[in-house]
Amino acid sequence: MSSTIIVHDMKLTGKIYNQTKLVLQERQITLEELIKERVLQEVASHNTFSLGKAFPGLVQPVVEDSSTIDAKKQVAIALKGFQENRFFVMVNDKQISSLSELLTIENDTRISFLKLVLLIGG
């Protein structure tokens, strides 16, 4: 059974500056799977509908022209960024500290990504 949730990108002040709808097929996933799904869905949407426009996703790719963004590369950069504390993730106001932590996702689950530094990728 799939769930559609809203993922918030927040500044350290608590101000939300971006919201993304995320469709998840499983109710229980690891944080690593959540990050992968977010990045894959953002890149797929961008590559389909928004080529040539600014990319509001978790990882800011370095794109010199209007070519498509490489999803696998973006996932690797995002996961490395989490491991290097460049951003952290809050689920229902609880900080998740491990990529392997199992999360239970409901339609009302609150997920926030707090970026500490800009993630730049290829």
PDB file of N, CA and C in Angstrom:
ATOM      1  N   MET A   1       0.844  -1.182   0.000  1.00  0.00           N
ATOM      2  CA  MET A   1       0.000   0.000   0.000  1.00  0.00           C
ATOM      3  C   MET A   1       0.886   1.242   0.000  1.00  0.00           C
ATOM      4  N   SER A   2       0.687   2.134  -0.935  1.00  0.00           N
ATOM      5  CA  SER A   2       1.537   3.313  -1.031  1.00  0.00           C
ATOM      6  C   SER A   2       1.022   4.442  -0.138  1.00  0.00           C
ATOM      7  N   SER A   3       1.963   5.297   0.246  1.00  0.00           N
ATOM      8  CA  SER A   3       1.653   6.482   1.033  1.00  0.00           C
ATOM      9  C   SER A   3       2.225   7.684   0.309  1.00  0.00           C
ATOM     10  N   THR A   4       1.485   8.782   0.330  1.00  0.00           N
ATOM     11  CA  THR A   4       1.988  10.040  -0.197  1.00  0.00           C
ATOM     12  C   THR A   4       2.194  10.971   0.981  1.00  0.00           C
ATOM     13  N   ILE A   5       3.413  11.443   1.115  1.00  0.00           N
ATOM     14  CA  ILE A   5       3.737  12.341   2.215  1.00  0.00           C
ATOM     15  C   ILE A   5       4.367  13.610   1.658  1.00  0.00           C
ATOM     16  N   ILE A   6       4.386  14.632   2.480  1.00  0.00           N
ATOM     17  CA  ILE A   6       5.047  15.881   2.133  1.00  0.00           C
ATOM     18  C   ILE A   6       6.355  15.937   2.909  1.00  0.00           C
ATOM     19  N   VAL A   7       7.438  16.134   2.192  1.00  0.00           N
ATOM     20  CA  VAL A   7       8.759  16.273   2.789  1.00  0.00           C
ATOM     21  C   VAL A   7       9.095  17.756   2.778  1.00  0.00           C
ATOM     22  N   HIS A   8       9.556  18.263   3.920  1.00  0.00           N
ATOM     23  CA  HIS A   8       9.910  19.679   4.047  1.00  0.00           C
ATOM     24  C   HIS A   8      11.420  19.848   4.075  1.00  0.00           C
ATOM     25  N   ASP A   9      11.889  20.867   3.382  1.00  0.00           N
ATOM     26  CA  ASP A   9      13.267  21.307   3.518  1.00  0.00           C
ATOM     27  C   ASP A   9      13.218  22.539   4.405  1.00  0.00           C
ATOM     28  N   MET A  10      14.005  22.515   5.469  1.00  0.00           N
ATOM     29  CA  MET A  10      13.960  23.598   6.444  1.00  0.00           C
ATOM     30  C   MET A  10      15.341  24.195   6.664  1.00  0.00           C
ATOM     31  N   LYS A  11      15.323  25.469   7.010  1.00  0.00           N
ATOM     32  CA  LYS A  11      16.534  26.126   7.475  1.00  0.00           C
ATOM     33  C   LYS A  11      16.662  25.834   8.963  1.00  0.00           C
ATOM     34  N   LEU A  12      17.826  26.073   9.519  1.00  0.00           N
ATOM     35  CA  LEU A  12      18.032  25.829  10.944  1.00  0.00           C
ATOM     36  C   LEU A  12      17.117  26.678  11.813  1.00  0.00           C
ATOM     37  N   THR A  13      16.607  27.756  11.257  1.00  0.00           N
ATOM     38  CA  THR A  13      15.671  28.611  11.992  1.00  0.00           C
ATOM     39  C   THR A  13      14.289  27.974  12.090  1.00  0.00           C
ATOM     40  N   GLY A  14      14.074  26.886  11.348  1.00  0.00           N
ATOM     41  CA  GLY A  14      12.767  26.235  11.331  1.00  0.00           C
ATOM     42  C   GLY A  14      11.898  26.673  10.168  1.00  0.00           C
ATOM     43  N   LYS A  15      12.359  27.636   9.380  1.00  0.00           N
ATOM     44  CA  LYS A  15      11.590  28.125   8.243  1.00  0.00           C
ATOM     45  C   LYS A  15      11.634  27.112   7.102  1.00  0.00           C
ATOM     46  N   ILE A  16      10.460  26.746   6.591  1.00  0.00           N
ATOM     47  CA  ILE A  16      10.361  25.820   5.451  1.00  0.00           C
ATOM     48  C   ILE A  16      10.597  26.611   4.168  1.00  0.00           C
ATOM     49  N   TYR A  17      11.527  26.148   3.335  1.00  0.00           N
ATOM     50  CA  TYR A  17      11.785  26.845   2.078  1.00  0.00           C
ATOM     51  C   TYR A  17      11.470  25.992   0.847  1.00  0.00           C
ATOM     52  N   ASN A  18      11.130  24.717   1.047  1.00  0.00           N
ATOM     53  CA  ASN A  18      10.764  23.864  -0.082  1.00  0.00           C
ATOM     54  C   ASN A  18       9.930  22.701   0.447  1.00  0.00           C
ATOM     55  N   GLN A  19       8.940  22.295  -0.333  1.00  0.00           N
ATOM     56  CA  GLN A  19       8.133  21.128   0.006  1.00  0.00           C
ATOM     57  C   GLN A  19       8.064  20.226  -1.214  1.00  0.00           C
ATOM     58  N   THR A  20       8.151  18.926  -0.971  1.00  0.00           N
ATOM     59  CA  THR A  20       8.131  17.939  -2.040  1.00  0.00           C
ATOM     60  C   THR A  20       7.180  16.819  -1.672  1.00  0.00           C
ATOM     61  N   LYS A  21       6.299  16.456  -2.612  1.00  0.00           N
ATOM     62  CA  LYS A  21       5.462  15.269  -2.407  1.00  0.00           C
ATOM     63  C   LYS A  21       6.292  14.045  -2.729  1.00  0.00           C
ATOM     64  N   LEU A  22       6.168  13.046  -1.885  1.00  0.00           N
ATOM     65  CA  LEU A  22       6.928  11.821  -2.054  1.00  0.00           C
ATOM     66  C   LEU A  22       5.971  10.645  -1.949  1.00  0.00           C
ATOM     67  N   VAL A  23       6.002   9.765  -2.942  1.00  0.00           N
ATOM     68  CA  VAL A  23       5.167   8.567  -2.929  1.00  0.00           C
ATOM     69  C   VAL A  23       6.051   7.390  -2.548  1.00  0.00           C
ATOM     70  N   LEU A  24       5.674   6.720  -1.467  1.00  0.00           N
ATOM     71  CA  LEU A  24       6.434   5.575  -0.980  1.00  0.00           C
ATOM     72  C   LEU A  24       5.572   4.320  -1.091  1.00  0.00           C
ATOM     73  N   GLN A  25       6.153   3.251  -1.586  1.00  0.00           N
ATOM     74  CA  GLN A  25       5.420   2.007  -1.791  1.00  0.00           C
ATOM     75  C   GLN A  25       5.326   1.159  -0.526  1.00  0.00           C
ATOM     76  N   GLU A  26       6.265   1.344   0.387  1.00  0.00           N
ATOM     77  CA  GLU A  26       6.321   0.539   1.609  1.00  0.00           C
ATOM     78  C   GLU A  26       6.065   1.410   2.825  1.00  0.00           C
ATOM     79  N   ARG A  27       5.426   0.855   3.839  1.00  0.00           N
ATOM     80  CA  ARG A  27       5.194   1.579   5.088  1.00  0.00           C
ATOM     81  C   ARG A  27       6.433   1.589   5.965  1.00  0.00           C
ATOM     82  N   GLN A  28       7.270   0.578   5.832  1.00  0.00           N
ATOM     83  CA  GLN A  28       8.494   0.531   6.618  1.00  0.00           C
ATOM     84  C   GLN A  28       9.691   0.554   5.672  1.00  0.00           C
ATOM     85  N   ILE A  29      10.522   1.562   5.852  1.00  0.00           N
ATOM     86  CA  ILE A  29      11.714   1.721   5.029  1.00  0.00           C
ATOM     87  C   ILE A  29      12.837   2.249   5.910  1.00  0.00           C
ATOM     88  N   THR A  30      14.052   2.071   5.451  1.00  0.00           N
ATOM     89  CA  THR A  30      15.188   2.649   6.162  1.00  0.00           C
ATOM     90  C   THR A  30      15.351   4.103   5.730  1.00  0.00           C
ATOM     91  N   LEU A  31      16.104   4.850   6.499  1.00  0.00           N
ATOM     92  CA  LEU A  31      16.391   6.227   6.116  1.00  0.00           C
ATOM     93  C   LEU A  31      17.121   6.253   4.776  1.00  0.00           C
ATOM     94  N   GLU A  32      18.023   5.306   4.559  1.00  0.00           N
ATOM     95  CA  GLU A  32      18.733   5.245   3.274  1.00  0.00           C
ATOM     96  C   GLU A  32      17.744   5.112   2.115  1.00  0.00           C
ATOM     97  N   GLU A  33      16.762   4.242   2.262  1.00  0.00           N
ATOM     98  CA  GLU A  33      15.754   4.061   1.211  1.00  0.00           C
ATOM     99  C   GLU A  33      14.921   5.327   1.027  1.00  0.00           C
ATOM    100  N   LEU A  34      14.616   6.015   2.118  1.00  0.00           N
ATOM    101  CA  LEU A  34      13.856   7.263   2.036  1.00  0.00           C
ATOM    102  C   LEU A  34      14.625   8.312   1.248  1.00  0.00           C
ATOM    103  N   ILE A  35      15.898   8.473   1.566  1.00  0.00           N
ATOM    104  CA  ILE A  35      16.725   9.453   0.844  1.00  0.00           C
ATOM    105  C   ILE A  35      16.822   9.080  -0.631  1.00  0.00           C
ATOM    106  N   LYS A  36      17.068   7.801  -0.921  1.00  0.00           N
ATOM    107  CA  LYS A  36      17.137   7.354  -2.322  1.00  0.00           C
ATOM    108  C   LYS A  36      15.844   7.654  -3.057  1.00  0.00           C
ATOM    109  N   GLU A  37      14.708   7.310  -2.453  1.00  0.00           N
ATOM    110  CA  GLU A  37      13.413   7.551  -3.096  1.00  0.00           C
ATOM    111  C   GLU A  37      13.192   9.029  -3.350  1.00  0.00           C
ATOM    112  N   ARG A  38      13.537   9.846  -2.372  1.00  0.00           N
ATOM    113  CA  ARG A  38      13.357  11.280  -2.553  1.00  0.00           C
ATOM    114  C   ARG A  38      14.162  11.773  -3.747  1.00  0.00           C
ATOM    115  N   VAL A  39      15.443  11.434  -3.771  1.00  0.00           N
ATOM    116  CA  VAL A  39      16.314  11.913  -4.844  1.00  0.00           C
ATOM    117  C   VAL A  39      15.859  11.359  -6.196  1.00  0.00           C
ATOM    118  N   LEU A  40      15.550  10.070  -6.267  1.00  0.00           N
ATOM    119  CA  LEU A  40      15.114   9.475  -7.535  1.00  0.00           C
ATOM    120  C   LEU A  40      13.847  10.134  -8.062  1.00  0.00           C
ATOM    121  N   GLN A  41      12.879  10.386  -7.178  1.00  0.00           N
ATOM    122  CA  GLN A  41      11.629  11.006  -7.617  1.00  0.00           C
ATOM    123  C   GLN A  41      11.840  12.460  -8.036  1.00  0.00           C
ATOM    124  N   GLU A  42      12.682  13.192  -7.301  1.00  0.00           N
ATOM    125  CA  GLU A  42      12.972  14.583  -7.673  1.00  0.00           C
ATOM    126  C   GLU A  42      13.663  14.658  -9.028  1.00  0.00           C
ATOM    127  N   VAL A  43      14.648  13.805  -9.236  1.00  0.00           N
ATOM    128  CA  VAL A  43      15.386  13.825 -10.501  1.00  0.00           C
ATOM    129  C   VAL A  43      14.485  13.403 -11.656  1.00  0.00           C
ATOM    130  N   ALA A  44      13.681  12.372 -11.467  1.00  0.00           N
ATOM    131  CA  ALA A  44      12.771  11.930 -12.528  1.00  0.00           C
ATOM    132  C   ALA A  44      11.796  13.043 -12.905  1.00  0.00           C
ATOM    133  N   SER A  45      11.256  13.713 -11.912  1.00  0.00           N
ATOM    134  CA  SER A  45      10.331  14.814 -12.181  1.00  0.00           C
ATOM    135  C   SER A  45      11.037  15.950 -12.910  1.00  0.00           C
ATOM    136  N   HIS A  46      12.216  16.292 -12.450  1.00  0.00           N
ATOM    137  CA  HIS A  46      12.969  17.370 -13.091  1.00  0.00           C
ATOM    138  C   HIS A  46      13.315  17.015 -14.537  1.00  0.00           C
ATOM    139  N   ASN A  47      13.826  15.807 -14.750  1.00  0.00           N
ATOM    140  CA  ASN A  47      14.225  15.401 -16.098  1.00  0.00           C
ATOM    141  C   ASN A  47      13.040  15.329 -17.050  1.00  0.00           C
ATOM    142  N   THR A  48      11.850  15.073 -16.524  1.00  0.00           N
ATOM    143  CA  THR A  48      10.654  14.974 -17.358  1.00  0.00           C
ATOM    144  C   THR A  48      10.020  16.334 -17.631  1.00  0.00           C
ATOM    145  N   PHE A  49       9.945  17.191 -16.608  1.00  0.00           N
ATOM    146  CA  PHE A  49       9.145  18.409 -16.718  1.00  0.00           C
ATOM    147  C   PHE A  49       9.913  19.724 -16.650  1.00  0.00           C
ATOM    148  N   SER A  50      11.141  19.720 -16.160  1.00  0.00           N
ATOM    149  CA  SER A  50      11.766  20.996 -15.817  1.00  0.00           C
ATOM    150  C   SER A  50      13.168  21.212 -16.359  1.00  0.00           C
ATOM    151  N   LEU A  51      13.530  20.538 -17.436  1.00  0.00           N
ATOM    152  CA  LEU A  51      14.879  20.748 -17.984  1.00  0.00           C
ATOM    153  C   LEU A  51      15.108  22.220 -18.271  1.00  0.00           C
ATOM    154  N   GLY A  52      16.277  22.685 -17.926  1.00  0.00           N
ATOM    155  CA  GLY A  52      16.613  24.080 -18.159  1.00  0.00           C
ATOM    156  C   GLY A  52      16.199  25.008 -17.034  1.00  0.00           C
ATOM    157  N   LYS A  53      15.453  24.502 -16.062  1.00  0.00           N
ATOM    158  CA  LYS A  53      15.026  25.316 -14.912  1.00  0.00           C
ATOM    159  C   LYS A  53      15.872  24.956 -13.701  1.00  0.00           C
ATOM    160  N   ALA A  54      15.820  25.805 -12.700  1.00  0.00           N
ATOM    161  CA  ALA A  54      16.550  25.536 -11.456  1.00  0.00           C
ATOM    162  C   ALA A  54      16.021  24.251 -10.828  1.00  0.00           C
ATOM    163  N   PHE A  55      16.913  23.475 -10.260  1.00  0.00           N
ATOM    164  CA  PHE A  55      16.550  22.202  -9.637  1.00  0.00           C
ATOM    165  C   PHE A  55      16.431  22.424  -8.129  1.00  0.00           C
ATOM    166  N   PRO A  56      15.222  22.274  -7.554  1.00  0.00           N
ATOM    167  CA  PRO A  56      15.032  22.553  -6.125  1.00  0.00           C
ATOM    168  C   PRO A  56      15.288  21.349  -5.222  1.00  0.00           C
ATOM    169  N   GLY A  57      15.916  20.301  -5.730  1.00  0.00           N
ATOM    170  CA  GLY A  57      16.058  19.054  -4.989  1.00  0.00           C
ATOM    171  C   GLY A  57      17.069  19.092  -3.864  1.00  0.00           C
ATOM    172  N   LEU A  58      17.210  17.966  -3.199  1.00  0.00           N
ATOM    173  CA  LEU A  58      18.104  17.820  -2.060  1.00  0.00           C
ATOM    174  C   LEU A  58      19.549  18.106  -2.437  1.00  0.00           C
ATOM    175  N   VAL A  59      19.999  17.597  -3.565  1.00  0.00           N
ATOM    176  CA  VAL A  59      21.366  17.797  -4.047  1.00  0.00           C
ATOM    177  C   VAL A  59      21.307  18.711  -5.255  1.00  0.00           C
ATOM    178  N   GLN A  60      22.119  19.760  -5.248  1.00  0.00           N
ATOM    179  CA  GLN A  60      22.166  20.689  -6.375  1.00  0.00           C
ATOM    180  C   GLN A  60      23.213  20.217  -7.373  1.00  0.00           C
ATOM    181  N   PRO A  61      22.778  19.733  -8.539  1.00  0.00           N
ATOM    182  CA  PRO A  61      23.745  19.225  -9.515  1.00  0.00           C
ATOM    183  C   PRO A  61      24.486  20.349 -10.217  1.00  0.00           C
ATOM    184  N   VAL A  62      25.688  20.024 -10.670  1.00  0.00           N
ATOM    185  CA  VAL A  62      26.446  20.942 -11.505  1.00  0.00           C
ATOM    186  C   VAL A  62      26.103  20.571 -12.937  1.00  0.00           C
ATOM    187  N   VAL A  63      25.302  21.409 -13.575  1.00  0.00           N
ATOM    188  CA  VAL A  63      24.866  21.153 -14.944  1.00  0.00           C
ATOM    189  C   VAL A  63      25.219  22.375 -15.774  1.00  0.00           C
ATOM    190  N   GLU A  64      26.022  22.156 -16.800  1.00  0.00           N
ATOM    191  CA  GLU A  64      26.465  23.277 -17.622  1.00  0.00           C
ATOM    192  C   GLU A  64      25.536  23.560 -18.792  1.00  0.00           C
ATOM    193  N   ASP A  65      24.637  22.647 -19.071  1.00  0.00           N
ATOM    194  CA  ASP A  65      23.671  22.878 -20.133  1.00  0.00           C
ATOM    195  C   ASP A  65      22.339  22.315 -19.656  1.00  0.00           C
ATOM    196  N   SER A  66      21.405  22.117 -20.556  1.00  0.00           N
ATOM    197  CA  SER A  66      20.082  21.643 -20.154  1.00  0.00           C
ATOM    198  C   SER A  66      19.971  20.123 -20.216  1.00  0.00           C
ATOM    199  N   SER A  67      21.112  19.427 -20.061  1.00  0.00           N
ATOM    200  CA  SER A  67      21.077  17.967 -20.112  1.00  0.00           C
ATOM    201  C   SER A  67      20.391  17.404 -18.873  1.00  0.00           C
ATOM    202  N   THR A  68      20.024  16.147 -18.962  1.00  0.00           N
ATOM    203  CA  THR A  68      19.357  15.502 -17.841  1.00  0.00           C
ATOM    204  C   THR A  68      20.322  15.284 -16.687  1.00  0.00           C
ATOM    205  N   ILE A  69      19.755  15.161 -15.510  1.00  0.00           N
ATOM    206  CA  ILE A  69      20.537  14.946 -14.299  1.00  0.00           C
ATOM    207  C   ILE A  69      20.672  13.447 -14.070  1.00  0.00           C
ATOM    208  N   ASP A  70      21.845  13.010 -13.659  1.00  0.00           N
ATOM    209  CA  ASP A  70      22.134  11.597 -13.398  1.00  0.00           C
ATOM    210  C   ASP A  70      21.642  11.241 -11.994  1.00  0.00           C
ATOM    211  N   ALA A  71      20.575  10.455 -11.911  1.00  0.00           N
ATOM    212  CA  ALA A  71      19.947  10.122 -10.634  1.00  0.00           C
ATOM    213  C   ALA A  71      20.875   9.316  -9.724  1.00  0.00           C
ATOM    214  N   LYS A  72      21.579   8.338 -10.281  1.00  0.00           N
ATOM    215  CA  LYS A  72      22.465   7.505  -9.456  1.00  0.00           C
ATOM    216  C   LYS A  72      23.554   8.343  -8.795  1.00  0.00           C
ATOM    217  N   LYS A  73      24.096   9.266  -9.552  1.00  0.00           N
ATOM    218  CA  LYS A  73      25.139  10.139  -9.020  1.00  0.00           C
ATOM    219  C   LYS A  73      24.573  11.015  -7.903  1.00  0.00           C
ATOM    220  N   GLN A  74      23.365  11.527  -8.112  1.00  0.00           N
ATOM    221  CA  GLN A  74      22.735  12.381  -7.109  1.00  0.00           C
ATOM    222  C   GLN A  74      22.444  11.605  -5.824  1.00  0.00           C
ATOM    223  N   VAL A  75      22.014  10.344  -5.949  1.00  0.00           N
ATOM    224  CA  VAL A  75      21.758   9.507  -4.773  1.00  0.00           C
ATOM    225  C   VAL A  75      23.049   9.314  -3.991  1.00  0.00           C
ATOM    226  N   ALA A  76      24.133   8.988  -4.673  1.00  0.00           N
ATOM    227  CA  ALA A  76      25.421   8.768  -4.000  1.00  0.00           C
ATOM    228  C   ALA A  76      25.869  10.031  -3.270  1.00  0.00           C
ATOM    229  N   ILE A  77      25.699  11.182  -3.879  1.00  0.00           N
ATOM    230  CA  ILE A  77      26.092  12.451  -3.261  1.00  0.00           C
ATOM    231  C   ILE A  77      25.227  12.722  -2.034  1.00  0.00           C
ATOM    232  N   ALA A  78      23.933  12.462  -2.134  1.00  0.00           N
ATOM    233  CA  ALA A  78      23.027  12.690  -1.001  1.00  0.00           C
ATOM    234  C   ALA A  78      23.370  11.787   0.177  1.00  0.00           C
ATOM    235  N   LEU A  79      23.613  10.503  -0.087  1.00  0.00           N
ATOM    236  CA  LEU A  79      23.941   9.574   0.992  1.00  0.00           C
ATOM    237  C   LEU A  79      25.270   9.953   1.652  1.00  0.00           C
ATOM    238  N   LYS A  80      26.249  10.334   0.838  1.00  0.00           N
ATOM    239  CA  LYS A  80      27.537  10.771   1.378  1.00  0.00           C
ATOM    240  C   LYS A  80      27.344  12.047   2.197  1.00  0.00           C
ATOM    241  N   GLY A  81      26.500  12.945   1.718  1.00  0.00           N
ATOM    242  CA  GLY A  81      26.225  14.184   2.444  1.00  0.00           C
ATOM    243  C   GLY A  81      25.624  13.916   3.814  1.00  0.00           C
ATOM    244  N   PHE A  82      24.720  12.934   3.906  1.00  0.00           N
ATOM    245  CA  PHE A  82      24.154  12.586   5.207  1.00  0.00           C
ATOM    246  C   PHE A  82      25.243  12.046   6.127  1.00  0.00           C
ATOM    247  N   GLN A  83      26.060  11.157   5.602  1.00  0.00           N
ATOM    248  CA  GLN A  83      27.119  10.550   6.413  1.00  0.00           C
ATOM    249  C   GLN A  83      28.142  11.577   6.879  1.00  0.00           C
ATOM    250  N   GLU A  84      28.299  12.650   6.131  1.00  0.00           N
ATOM    251  CA  GLU A  84      29.253  13.706   6.485  1.00  0.00           C
ATOM    252  C   GLU A  84      28.581  14.854   7.244  1.00  0.00           C
ATOM    253  N   ASN A  85      27.344  14.625   7.682  1.00  0.00           N
ATOM    254  CA  ASN A  85      26.597  15.618   8.478  1.00  0.00           C
ATOM    255  C   ASN A  85      26.351  16.933   7.749  1.00  0.00           C
ATOM    256  N   ARG A  86      26.165  16.865   6.446  1.00  0.00           N
ATOM    257  CA  ARG A  86      25.852  18.076   5.680  1.00  0.00           C
ATOM    258  C   ARG A  86      24.365  18.407   5.769  1.00  0.00           C
ATOM    259  N   PHE A  87      23.572  17.425   6.151  1.00  0.00           N
ATOM    260  CA  PHE A  87      22.162  17.651   6.445  1.00  0.00           C
ATOM    261  C   PHE A  87      21.722  16.576   7.419  1.00  0.00           C
ATOM    262  N   PHE A  88      20.632  16.833   8.098  1.00  0.00           N
ATOM    263  CA  PHE A  88      20.069  15.791   8.924  1.00  0.00           C
ATOM    264  C   PHE A  88      18.583  15.699   8.677  1.00  0.00           C
ATOM    265  N   VAL A  89      18.008  14.610   9.149  1.00  0.00           N
ATOM    266  CA  VAL A  89      16.607  14.298   8.862  1.00  0.00           C
ATOM    267  C   VAL A  89      15.858  14.143  10.172  1.00  0.00           C
ATOM    268  N   MET A  90      14.704  14.784  10.234  1.00  0.00           N
ATOM    269  CA  MET A  90      13.813  14.662  11.382  1.00  0.00           C
ATOM    270  C   MET A  90      12.548  13.942  10.909  1.00  0.00           C
ATOM    271  N   VAL A  91      12.131  12.926  11.678  1.00  0.00           N
ATOM    272  CA  VAL A  91      10.882  12.225  11.400  1.00  0.00           C
ATOM    273  C   VAL A  91      10.020  12.356  12.646  1.00  0.00           C
ATOM    274  N   ASN A  92       8.884  13.027  12.492  1.00  0.00           N
ATOM    275  CA  ASN A  92       8.002  13.315  13.634  1.00  0.00           C
ATOM    276  C   ASN A  92       8.788  13.951  14.785  1.00  0.00           C
ATOM    277  N   ASP A  93       9.605  14.937  14.432  1.00  0.00           N
ATOM    278  CA  ASP A  93      10.391  15.728  15.391  1.00  0.00           C
ATOM    279  C   ASP A  93      11.508  14.947  16.085  1.00  0.00           C
ATOM    280  N   LYS A  94      11.858  13.780  15.574  1.00  0.00           N
ATOM    281  CA  LYS A  94      12.962  12.981  16.132  1.00  0.00           C
ATOM    282  C   LYS A  94      14.074  12.930  15.084  1.00  0.00           C
ATOM    283  N   GLN A  95      15.297  13.281  15.493  1.00  0.00           N
ATOM    284  CA  GLN A  95      16.419  13.225  14.568  1.00  0.00           C
ATOM    285  C   GLN A  95      16.803  11.768  14.325  1.00  0.00           C
ATOM    286  N   ILE A  96      16.952  11.422  13.058  1.00  0.00           N
ATOM    287  CA  ILE A  96      17.354  10.074  12.666  1.00  0.00           C
ATOM    288  C   ILE A  96      18.862  10.120  12.407  1.00  0.00           C
ATOM    289  N   SER A  97      19.610   9.270  13.091  1.00  0.00           N
ATOM    290  CA  SER A  97      21.064   9.375  13.033  1.00  0.00           C
ATOM    291  C   SER A  97      21.739   8.299  12.195  1.00  0.00           C
ATOM    292  N   SER A  98      20.986   7.295  11.753  1.00  0.00           N
ATOM    293  CA  SER A  98      21.603   6.191  11.018  1.00  0.00           C
ATOM    294  C   SER A  98      20.834   5.916   9.729  1.00  0.00           C
ATOM    295  N   LEU A  99      21.578   5.694   8.652  1.00  0.00           N
ATOM    296  CA  LEU A  99      20.947   5.354   7.380  1.00  0.00           C
ATOM    297  C   LEU A  99      20.182   4.040   7.464  1.00  0.00           C
ATOM    298  N   SER A 100      20.576   3.167   8.387  1.00  0.00           N
ATOM    299  CA  SER A 100      19.926   1.858   8.486  1.00  0.00           C
ATOM    300  C   SER A 100      18.721   1.855   9.429  1.00  0.00           C
ATOM    301  N   GLU A 101      18.427   3.000  10.046  1.00  0.00           N
ATOM    302  CA  GLU A 101      17.290   3.048  10.970  1.00  0.00           C
ATOM    303  C   GLU A 101      15.980   2.816  10.213  1.00  0.00           C
ATOM    304  N   LEU A 102      15.147   1.935  10.757  1.00  0.00           N
ATOM    305  CA  LEU A 102      13.873   1.591  10.144  1.00  0.00           C
ATOM    306  C   LEU A 102      12.820   2.614  10.539  1.00  0.00           C
ATOM    307  N   LEU A 103      12.121   3.148   9.536  1.00  0.00           N
ATOM    308  CA  LEU A 103      11.090   4.153   9.748  1.00  0.00           C
ATOM    309  C   LEU A 103       9.731   3.575   9.386  1.00  0.00           C
ATOM    310  N   THR A 104       8.718   3.898  10.166  1.00  0.00           N
ATOM    311  CA  THR A 104       7.347   3.536   9.831  1.00  0.00           C
ATOM    312  C   THR A 104       6.674   4.784   9.287  1.00  0.00           C
ATOM    313  N   ILE A 105       6.209   4.711   8.053  1.00  0.00           N
ATOM    314  CA  ILE A 105       5.648   5.865   7.365  1.00  0.00           C
ATOM    315  C   ILE A 105       4.122   5.745   7.317  1.00  0.00           C
ATOM    316  N   GLU A 106       3.463   6.761   7.831  1.00  0.00           N
ATOM    317  CA  GLU A 106       2.007   6.896   7.751  1.00  0.00           C
ATOM    318  C   GLU A 106       1.720   8.144   6.925  1.00  0.00           C
ATOM    319  N   ASN A 107       0.470   8.329   6.505  1.00  0.00           N
ATOM    320  CA  ASN A 107       0.138   9.516   5.723  1.00  0.00           C
ATOM    321  C   ASN A 107       0.380  10.816   6.486  1.00  0.00           C
ATOM    322  N   ASP A 108       0.372  10.773   7.817  1.00  0.00           N
ATOM    323  CA  ASP A 108       0.585  11.982   8.609  1.00  0.00           C
ATOM    324  C   ASP A 108       2.011  12.091   9.160  1.00  0.00           C
ATOM    325  N   THR A 109       2.915  11.243   8.715  1.00  0.00           N
ATOM    326  CA  THR A 109       4.306  11.314   9.164  1.00  0.00           C
ATOM    327  C   THR A 109       4.929  12.628   8.696  1.00  0.00           C
ATOM    328  N   ARG A 110       5.600  13.316   9.600  1.00  0.00           N
ATOM    329  CA  ARG A 110       6.268  14.581   9.286  1.00  0.00           C
ATOM    330  C   ARG A 110       7.751  14.316   9.071  1.00  0.00           C
ATOM    331  N   ILE A 111       8.226  14.632   7.871  1.00  0.00           N
ATOM    332  CA  ILE A 111       9.640  14.429   7.537  1.00  0.00           C
ATOM    333  C   ILE A 111      10.238  15.765   7.121  1.00  0.00           C
ATOM    334  N   SER A 112      11.336  16.117   7.773  1.00  0.00           N
ATOM    335  CA  SER A 112      12.023  17.370   7.472  1.00  0.00           C
ATOM    336  C   SER A 112      13.499  17.098   7.224  1.00  0.00           C
ATOM    337  N   PHE A 113      14.021  17.736   6.194  1.00  0.00           N
ATOM    338  CA  PHE A 113      15.439  17.694   5.877  1.00  0.00           C
ATOM    339  C   PHE A 113      16.009  19.063   6.229  1.00  0.00           C
ATOM    340  N   LEU A 114      17.023  19.083   7.050  1.00  0.00           N
ATOM    341  CA  LEU A 114      17.672  20.328   7.429  1.00  0.00           C
ATOM    342  C   LEU A 114      19.085  20.327   6.864  1.00  0.00           C
ATOM    343  N   LYS A 115      19.304  21.185   5.865  1.00  0.00           N
ATOM    344  CA  LYS A 115      20.617  21.258   5.225  1.00  0.00           C
ATOM    345  C   LYS A 115      21.512  22.172   6.029  1.00  0.00           C
ATOM    346  N   LEU A 116      22.701  21.687   6.313  1.00  0.00           N
ATOM    347  CA  LEU A 116      23.675  22.491   7.031  1.00  0.00           C
ATOM    348  C   LEU A 116      24.601  23.218   6.067  1.00  0.00           C
ATOM    349  N   VAL A 117      24.885  22.601   4.917  1.00  0.00           N
ATOM    350  CA  VAL A 117      25.656  23.221   3.852  1.00  0.00           C
ATOM    351  C   VAL A 117      25.043  22.800   2.529  1.00  0.00           C
ATOM    352  N   LEU A 118      25.254  23.604   1.503  1.00  0.00           N
ATOM    353  CA  LEU A 118      24.739  23.300   0.186  1.00  0.00           C
ATOM    354  C   LEU A 118      25.400  22.049  -0.370  1.00  0.00           C
ATOM    355  N   LEU A 119      24.594  21.096  -0.838  1.00  0.00           N
ATOM    356  CA  LEU A 119      25.126  19.880  -1.450  1.00  0.00           C
ATOM    357  C   LEU A 119      25.225  20.115  -2.950  1.00  0.00           C
ATOM    358  N   ILE A 120      26.430  20.047  -3.454  1.00  0.00           N
ATOM    359  CA  ILE A 120      26.666  20.253  -4.873  1.00  0.00           C
ATOM    360  C   ILE A 120      27.116  18.936  -5.473  1.00  0.00           C
ATOM    361  N   GLY A 121      26.520  18.575  -6.590  1.00  0.00           N
ATOM    362  CA  GLY A 121      26.888  17.306  -7.214  1.00  0.00           C
ATOM    363  C   GLY A 121      27.022  17.437  -8.701  1.00  0.00           C
ATOM    364  N   GLY A 122      27.262  16.289  -9.347  1.00  0.00           N
ATOM    365  CA  GLY A 122      27.493  16.275 -10.785  1.00  0.00           C
ATOM    366  C   GLY A 122      26.378  15.833 -11.552  1.00  0.00           C
TER     367      GLY A 122
END
